[in-house]
Amino acid sequence: MSNSAEPGWLTDKKNMSDFSVINVYQMYVASKDTPGGVWIRRTTWGNLCARIKTVGEFKGPEPYYGNPEVRADIYTLNGTLHQANAVIPVPGTYKTWRQIESPKWWTE
């Protein structure tokens, strides 16, 4: 992991719109096979990002899929693990979460 600066899209919260067009469940469905995984940021997080690890079984229709539990590893923006296997709160909301690219420091 390096401490190199991340681009503005990762650190500049002014670039986050008030609402996302998709929620965390939809982000996961659309991107779960993406190399590097699915990365998200919460609009209220200062210097954190998260990589989704697991999403529980879908038991309902989209966009909420029955509200299964979402777990993720949360990292600082320079790559230090902040919290492992954390439950992501309110993944069905369109206001709180934004999908981001995999950070440059990420390696599988």
Protein backbone atom coordinates (compact mmCIF):
# COMPACT_ATOMS: atom_id res chain seq x y z
CA MET A 1 0.00 0.00 0.00
CA SER A 2 1.29 3.41 -0.83
CA ASN A 3 0.50 6.76 0.68
CA SER A 4 0.30 8.50 -2.68
CA ALA A 5 -2.35 11.13 -3.03
CA GLU A 6 -5.65 10.02 -4.46
CA PRO A 7 -7.39 11.96 -7.23
CA GLY A 8 -9.96 14.59 -6.39
CA TRP A 9 -12.94 12.34 -7.16
CA LEU A 10 -11.97 10.26 -4.12
CA THR A 11 -11.20 13.01 -1.66
CA ASP A 12 -13.33 15.97 -2.75
CA LYS A 13 -16.80 15.58 -1.22
CA LYS A 14 -18.01 18.60 -3.22
CA ASN A 15 -18.08 16.27 -6.23
CA MET A 16 -20.68 14.03 -4.55
CA SER A 17 -24.19 14.86 -5.71
CA ASP A 18 -27.05 15.06 -3.23
CA PHE A 19 -28.55 11.78 -4.44
CA SER A 20 -27.23 8.73 -6.23
CA VAL A 21 -29.21 7.17 -9.05
CA ILE A 22 -28.66 3.70 -7.55
CA ASN A 23 -28.38 2.26 -4.04
CA VAL A 24 -25.69 -0.05 -2.63
CA TYR A 25 -27.61 -3.19 -3.65
CA GLN A 26 -27.85 -1.99 -7.24
CA MET A 27 -24.17 -0.97 -7.22
CA TYR A 28 -23.29 -4.49 -6.08
CA VAL A 29 -25.47 -6.21 -8.70
CA ALA A 30 -24.05 -4.05 -11.49
CA SER A 31 -20.41 -4.29 -10.43
CA LYS A 32 -19.85 -7.44 -8.34
CA ASP A 33 -17.64 -9.03 -11.01
CA THR A 34 -15.51 -5.91 -11.48
CA PRO A 35 -11.80 -6.51 -10.86
CA GLY A 36 -10.96 -5.00 -7.48
CA GLY A 37 -14.50 -5.40 -6.22
CA VAL A 38 -17.19 -2.86 -5.41
CA TRP A 39 -15.95 0.25 -3.57
CA ILE A 40 -18.19 2.81 -1.91
CA ARG A 41 -17.99 6.01 0.12
CA ARG A 42 -20.50 7.43 2.52
CA THR A 43 -21.18 11.12 1.97
CA THR A 44 -20.58 11.77 5.69
CA TRP A 45 -17.22 9.98 5.88
CA GLY A 46 -14.24 12.28 6.03
CA ASN A 47 -11.38 10.06 4.90
CA LEU A 48 -12.82 6.57 4.64
CA CYS A 49 -13.88 4.24 1.85
CA ALA A 50 -15.15 0.66 1.87
CA ARG A 51 -14.89 -2.50 -0.22
CA ILE A 52 -18.03 -4.62 -0.14
CA LYS A 53 -17.24 -8.16 1.02
CA THR A 54 -20.64 -9.84 1.21
CA VAL A 55 -24.28 -9.18 0.52
CA GLY A 56 -26.87 -11.47 2.05
CA GLU A 57 -29.38 -13.46 0.05
CA PHE A 58 -31.74 -11.45 -2.12
CA LYS A 59 -35.27 -12.28 -1.00
CA GLY A 60 -37.23 -9.56 -2.73
CA PRO A 61 -37.48 -7.49 -5.88
CA GLU A 62 -35.15 -4.68 -6.81
CA PRO A 63 -34.28 -2.02 -5.85
CA TYR A 64 -34.13 -3.24 -2.23
CA TYR A 65 -33.97 -7.02 -2.76
CA GLY A 66 -35.53 -7.66 0.66
CA ASN A 67 -32.88 -5.51 2.43
CA PRO A 68 -30.17 -8.15 2.95
CA GLU A 69 -27.22 -7.36 5.18
CA VAL A 70 -24.18 -5.79 3.50
CA ARG A 71 -20.70 -6.20 5.00
CA ALA A 72 -17.56 -4.39 3.98
CA ASP A 73 -13.98 -3.71 5.00
CA ILE A 74 -13.55 0.00 5.71
CA TYR A 75 -10.23 1.68 4.93
CA THR A 76 -8.71 5.11 5.33
CA LEU A 77 -8.05 6.84 2.01
CA ASN A 78 -4.35 5.94 2.27
CA GLY A 79 -5.12 2.21 2.62
CA THR A 80 -5.03 1.50 6.36
CA LEU A 81 -7.72 -0.96 7.46
CA HIS A 82 -10.09 0.95 9.74
CA GLN A 83 -12.71 -1.75 10.41
CA ALA A 84 -13.00 -5.29 9.06
CA ASN A 85 -16.30 -6.93 8.13
CA ALA A 86 -18.42 -3.94 9.17
CA VAL A 87 -22.17 -3.88 8.61
CA ILE A 88 -23.03 -1.13 6.12
CA PRO A 89 -26.04 0.78 7.49
CA VAL A 90 -29.04 1.68 5.31
CA PRO A 91 -27.67 0.30 2.01
CA GLY A 92 -31.03 0.91 0.33
CA THR A 93 -30.82 4.69 0.59
CA TYR A 94 -30.03 6.84 -2.42
CA LYS A 95 -28.72 9.78 -0.38
CA THR A 96 -25.85 8.29 1.64
CA TRP A 97 -23.67 6.09 -0.60
CA ARG A 98 -21.60 6.67 -3.73
CA GLN A 99 -19.71 4.10 -5.75
CA ILE A 100 -16.05 4.90 -6.39
CA GLU A 101 -13.24 3.35 -8.40
CA SER A 102 -10.85 0.97 -6.68
CA PRO A 103 -8.19 3.05 -4.88
CA LYS A 104 -4.74 3.02 -6.49
CA TRP A 105 -3.25 1.35 -3.41
CA TRP A 106 -5.63 -1.64 -3.56
CA THR A 107 -4.21 -5.06 -4.45
CA GLU A 108 -6.03 -8.36 -4.05
